[in-house]
Amino acid sequence: MEHSLPLQTQTKYLDRTDLSAQAANFDSIPIIDMDGLFSEHLSDRQQVAKALGDACRNVGFFYIINHRVSSAQIAEAYRVAKAFFSLPLQDKLRYHLSQSEHHRGYFGVGDLRADLHEQESFDVLEGYEIGLELTDDDRAHLSNSIVYGPNVWSTQPPDFKTVLCTYFDTMLSLGRSLFRGFALALDLPENYFDDKITRPMAQLSLMHYPPQQLPLNPKQIGVGAHTDYECFAILNQDAAGLQAQNNLGQWIEVPPIPGSFVVNIGDSMARWTNDLFAATIHRVINVTGTSRFSIPFFFGPNHDAMLACLESCHGAERPPKYAPIQAGEWTAANLSAVYTYINPSQKDATHLISSP
């Protein structure tokens, strides 16, 4: 199903008190077969790129299948994530984000507030953040940025690090393949983004949504209404709860489909493309009555990449809408805004989030 208007024309955050969503058929969000993107034939890759471009322009969300990530590998990631979250709270707090100089480690319920437009809200989930591993002598590692630095690894379960390092590398490869598809969709050379994602601000997040009693407090749901600030996210989820807001302000369910990932465009890509690619508002509400788990992989460009309007995305009738900004500065400002563990003095950078 195609929307009559691009999602980026929507009126944002229309009603936070309504926690219902339409049980729309999943074909209201496109399902894209990735197989052709791995083909040696350019025509096959272009065909997939066209589907990606259409989905990014008109919806901002899509499913991918035939993505080359095995179900066994996904199951292993869930296994170690669930084992970690089952630990006593005092054990998990040993790895809290506040113990690291960089954005790495565990956060608990109340540490994240994704919906900056809703006062006195907080998100009812706990998570674990893992970033790109860099060598000690890497210049990016020495940038003193919150987005780079050594990971914090739980020792329980014993194979926590091994399993998640393997999964991270697999998702990194998949994300780079998507970037090549996006380049073709934007009438750019296929390798256009390659040198901008050599040290990406990629983040693997393990997320646990604990059971919540009904009726829910609209200010205390799984994750409040927001757009992601990276280029895109690649999500695996084990239960319903994800909702995306369409151009009419309606909340549409985005349920899990076996064998698929959900991909959504974030603000960095929207800025890069002059809003040709839509960063769609979404939220998570856990009404399953039990624990819900998800594993999103957020893909951002290199810290020093400039988010400046791409040549193919502006013209006389469509001038650039956003001033250029360094990707690392953008990401750090957003992290400082939504994670409550960060020193409040860092929040003076949040003006970067909304300024054109």
Foldseek 3Di string as FASTA:
>chain_A
DFDPDAQQLADPPPDLVDPDADADDLVHQAEAECVLLPDPDPVSLLVSLQVVLVRQQTPQKHKYFPLPDDPVLVVVLVVQLVQLVVDPPVLQCVFDCLVDLARFGKDAWFQFAAPPPDPPFTAQKIKGKDWDDDDPPDVLQVPSFNLHHDHDFRCPPVCNPVSVVVVLVSVLVSVLSVQLSNCSNLVHHSCVCVVFAPRWSKMKMKMKHFFDDPPDDSRYFNYHKHFAAAQKKWKDWDFWFKWWAGRHRGTHTNTHDPRITMMGGGDLNCLQQLNSGPRTIMTGGDPVRGMIIMIMMGTHTRQQDKSHHDPSRADPVRHRDDDIDGRSLSVRQSVLSTGNSDDVVSNVSVVNPPHD
